[in-house]
Structure formats: structure tokens, C-alpha cells
Amino acid sequence: MNLQLDIQKASTEPTPDEEDIRRWITCALAGRRSADSEISLRLVDSEEMAELNGTYRGKHGPTNVLSFPADLPAELELPLLGDIVICVPVVAAEAAEQGKPLQAHWAHMAVHGTLHLLGYDHIDDDEACEMEGLETAILAELNFPCPYRDEHCTEQTGA
């Protein structure tokens, strides 16, 4: 699988290296997609994310990550998976508030957004359980800790 990743940095705040972001997204795709993949990733500030969150989700204020899967007819056989938008200051604030290493939280947001592009969701409990279990497993492959409460991770991984 070949990943074409277009990263647009629309924030003046520090962000992870492109190499790290590519590794996180590639790991999220591994075993779940064998075809070539094209993803656009936009790193934004709170104002732009708040506008996107209001427009597309009807929610006030910025959120950490939004995914916009490409809705293309399968017969086109294009590699475009879609777009991911990550809010740089929200990710930094959440990591600090939750006592998580910043790099680990960035990896989680990249993996989370990528899984959404692959069709995973967390609207109902069963979907959330599946998606959170995948996130936990992928992050473990990347040597990051479980992003959820300890007892929740135990449920997800069966440990």
C-alpha cells in the first residue's frame, strides 16, 4: 500500500513532524486497507475548527479532530479516502488536561481520524467499543499507551 499524504499546516503552533504523522496514519491503515490511499490532513487553529464543527456537525466551538470521508462511487477506483482536520491548540490543551504525553495524543487523533475515513464510528456503544479497541491496539503497535481509562482498556484488549 502506498500512502499519499498532503499535509496543510494552517496553524502557527508547533505540530508533529510529517514523518511521525505519516507513520501513525500508515499504521492505522495497515491490515485494514491494502489499496493505495490518498489523504489530505489539515492542521488548524481553533477559529477554523469551530467554523467547521458548526457547519458540519451543528456544534458550537472547536473539537479535536474531524474526518470527511470521500463519498466516491466504487467503480471509479480512486485512492482518495478523504480529509482529516486536526485542531492544534485543542490537541495540546487536551493532552495537558488529561495528563497525556503530547505526542501520544497527536498519534491518537491521527489514528482516530483515519479510522473514521475507513468507515469506523462511535455513535452507538458497540461501534464505540470496536473503534476504541482498534485505536488501543494500533497505538500499542506504535508504543503509545491506551488513550482511555485503564479499566476501559482492559475491557477493550481483554487483558
Protein backbone atom coordinates (compact mmCIF):
# COMPACT_ATOMS: atom_id res chain seq x y z
CA MET A 1 0.00 0.00 0.00
CA ASN A 2 1.26 3.43 -0.94
CA LEU A 3 0.08 6.45 1.08
CA GLN A 4 -0.08 9.86 -0.49
CA LEU A 5 -0.46 12.30 2.38
CA ASP A 6 -0.97 16.01 1.77
CA ILE A 7 -0.37 17.96 4.99
CA GLN A 8 -1.57 21.56 5.13
CA LYS A 9 -0.40 23.49 8.16
CA ALA A 10 -2.75 26.41 8.86
CA SER A 11 -1.56 26.95 12.42
CA THR A 12 1.43 28.79 13.81
CA GLU A 13 1.61 26.47 16.83
CA PRO A 14 4.05 23.53 16.96
CA THR A 15 2.94 20.29 15.30
CA PRO A 16 4.49 16.83 14.99
CA ASP A 17 6.95 16.04 12.21
CA GLU A 18 5.46 14.88 8.92
CA GLU A 19 7.36 11.60 9.27
CA ASP A 20 5.61 10.85 12.59
CA ILE A 21 2.18 11.75 11.22
CA ARG A 22 2.77 9.52 8.17
CA ARG A 23 3.83 6.62 10.41
CA TRP A 24 0.72 6.96 12.60
CA ILE A 25 -1.67 7.08 9.66
CA THR A 26 0.10 4.23 7.86
CA CYS A 27 -0.21 2.08 10.98
CA ALA A 28 -3.95 2.85 11.18
CA LEU A 29 -4.36 1.77 7.54
CA ALA A 30 -2.26 -1.40 7.88
CA GLY A 31 -4.36 -4.53 7.77
CA ARG A 32 -7.48 -2.51 7.10
CA ARG A 33 -6.68 -1.25 3.61
CA SER A 34 -4.34 -2.80 1.04
CA ALA A 35 -5.07 -0.41 -1.84
CA ASP A 36 -3.16 2.81 -2.38
CA SER A 37 -4.56 5.63 -0.27
CA GLU A 38 -4.68 9.39 -0.56
CA ILE A 39 -5.47 11.55 2.46
CA SER A 40 -5.42 15.30 2.98
CA LEU A 41 -4.62 16.40 6.53
CA ARG A 42 -5.18 20.00 7.60
CA LEU A 43 -3.74 21.26 10.90
CA VAL A 44 -5.77 24.26 12.03
CA ASP A 45 -6.30 26.74 14.84
CA SER A 46 -9.43 26.96 17.00
CA GLU A 47 -11.26 29.53 14.89
CA GLU A 48 -11.21 27.45 11.71
CA MET A 49 -12.11 24.26 13.58
CA ALA A 50 -15.03 25.98 15.34
CA GLU A 51 -16.35 27.08 11.96
CA LEU A 52 -16.05 23.56 10.53
CA ASN A 53 -17.59 21.99 13.63
CA GLY A 54 -20.55 24.37 13.46
CA THR A 55 -21.07 23.94 9.72
CA TYR A 56 -20.75 20.15 9.52
CA ARG A 57 -21.83 18.95 12.96
CA GLY A 58 -24.00 21.79 14.22
CA LYS A 59 -21.83 22.01 17.32
CA HIS A 60 -20.51 25.23 18.87
CA GLY A 61 -16.76 25.65 19.37
CA PRO A 62 -13.71 23.74 18.21
CA THR A 63 -13.22 19.99 18.52
CA ASN A 64 -10.03 17.94 18.37
CA VAL A 65 -10.46 16.10 15.04
CA LEU A 66 -12.94 15.95 12.17
CA SER A 67 -12.92 13.47 9.31
CA PHE A 68 -14.55 13.88 5.93
CA PRO A 69 -14.62 10.55 4.08
CA ALA A 70 -14.61 10.78 0.30
CA ASP A 71 -18.01 9.74 -0.98
CA LEU A 72 -16.98 8.44 -4.38
CA PRO A 73 -18.61 5.69 -6.44
CA ALA A 74 -16.64 2.45 -6.00
CA GLU A 75 -16.44 1.94 -9.76
CA LEU A 76 -14.16 5.00 -10.02
CA GLU A 77 -11.49 3.04 -8.12
CA LEU A 78 -9.76 6.19 -6.93
CA PRO A 79 -7.39 6.04 -3.93
CA LEU A 80 -8.89 9.14 -2.25
CA LEU A 81 -10.00 8.27 1.30
CA GLY A 82 -10.87 11.81 2.34
CA ASP A 83 -9.79 14.67 4.58
CA ILE A 84 -8.82 14.87 8.23
CA VAL A 85 -8.73 18.16 10.13
CA ILE A 86 -6.93 18.34 13.49
CA CYS A 87 -7.11 21.38 15.76
CA VAL A 88 -3.59 22.05 17.03
CA PRO A 89 -4.42 24.06 20.19
CA VAL A 90 -7.26 21.71 21.22
CA VAL A 91 -4.97 18.67 20.98
CA ALA A 92 -2.33 20.44 23.09
CA ALA A 93 -4.88 21.55 25.70
CA GLU A 94 -6.48 18.10 25.93
CA ALA A 95 -3.12 16.38 26.37
CA ALA A 96 -2.24 18.76 29.21
CA GLU A 97 -5.68 18.45 30.87
CA GLN A 98 -5.66 14.65 30.65
CA GLY A 99 -2.04 14.28 31.74
CA LYS A 100 -1.09 12.54 28.48
CA PRO A 101 2.16 12.91 26.56
CA LEU A 102 1.50 15.36 23.72
CA GLN A 103 2.98 13.01 21.08
CA ALA A 104 0.71 10.16 22.26
CA HIS A 105 -2.39 12.35 21.98
CA TRP A 106 -1.37 13.50 18.50
CA ALA A 107 -0.93 9.87 17.45
CA HIS A 108 -4.39 9.07 18.85
CA MET A 109 -6.02 11.91 16.90
CA ALA A 110 -4.31 10.84 13.65
CA VAL A 111 -5.36 7.22 14.15
CA HIS A 112 -8.89 8.21 15.19
CA GLY A 113 -9.37 10.43 12.14
CA THR A 114 -8.00 7.75 9.81
CA LEU A 115 -10.33 5.08 11.22
CA HIS A 116 -13.27 7.39 10.55
CA LEU A 117 -12.15 7.62 6.91
CA LEU A 118 -12.22 3.82 6.80
CA GLY A 119 -15.84 3.78 7.97
CA TYR A 120 -15.43 3.20 11.70
CA ASP A 121 -17.58 5.23 14.04
CA HIS A 122 -18.53 5.56 17.71
CA ILE A 123 -22.16 6.61 17.54
CA ASP A 124 -23.52 3.63 19.45
CA ASP A 125 -21.88 1.57 22.20
CA ASP A 126 -21.00 -1.44 20.01
CA GLU A 127 -19.37 0.76 17.36
CA ALA A 128 -17.53 2.73 20.03
CA CYS A 129 -16.25 -0.45 21.63
CA GLU A 130 -14.93 -1.73 18.30
CA MET A 131 -13.34 1.57 17.31
CA GLU A 132 -11.76 2.21 20.71
CA GLY A 133 -10.38 -1.33 20.73
CA LEU A 134 -8.78 -0.76 17.33
CA GLU A 135 -7.36 2.60 18.43
CA THR A 136 -5.88 1.00 21.53
CA ALA A 137 -4.31 -1.84 19.52
CA ILE A 138 -2.89 0.49 16.86
CA LEU A 139 -1.45 2.85 19.46
CA ALA A 140 0.12 -0.13 21.27
CA GLU A 141 1.83 -1.10 17.98
CA LEU A 142 3.22 2.44 17.93
CA ASN A 143 4.40 2.07 21.56
CA PHE A 144 1.85 4.53 22.94
CA PRO A 145 -0.32 3.81 25.99
CA CYS A 146 -4.06 3.24 25.86
CA PRO A 147 -5.76 6.61 25.37
CA TYR A 148 -8.76 5.64 27.51
CA ARG A 149 -9.30 4.95 31.20
CA ASP A 150 -7.28 1.93 32.41
CA GLU A 151 -10.32 -0.24 33.13
CA HIS A 152 -11.75 0.63 29.71
CA CYS A 153 -8.52 -0.51 28.03
CA THR A 154 -8.66 -3.77 29.92
CA GLU A 155 -12.17 -4.34 28.55
CA GLN A 156 -11.07 -3.47 25.01
CA THR A 157 -7.93 -5.60 24.89
CA GLY A 158 -9.18 -8.46 27.02
CA ALA A 159 -6.19 -8.07 29.35
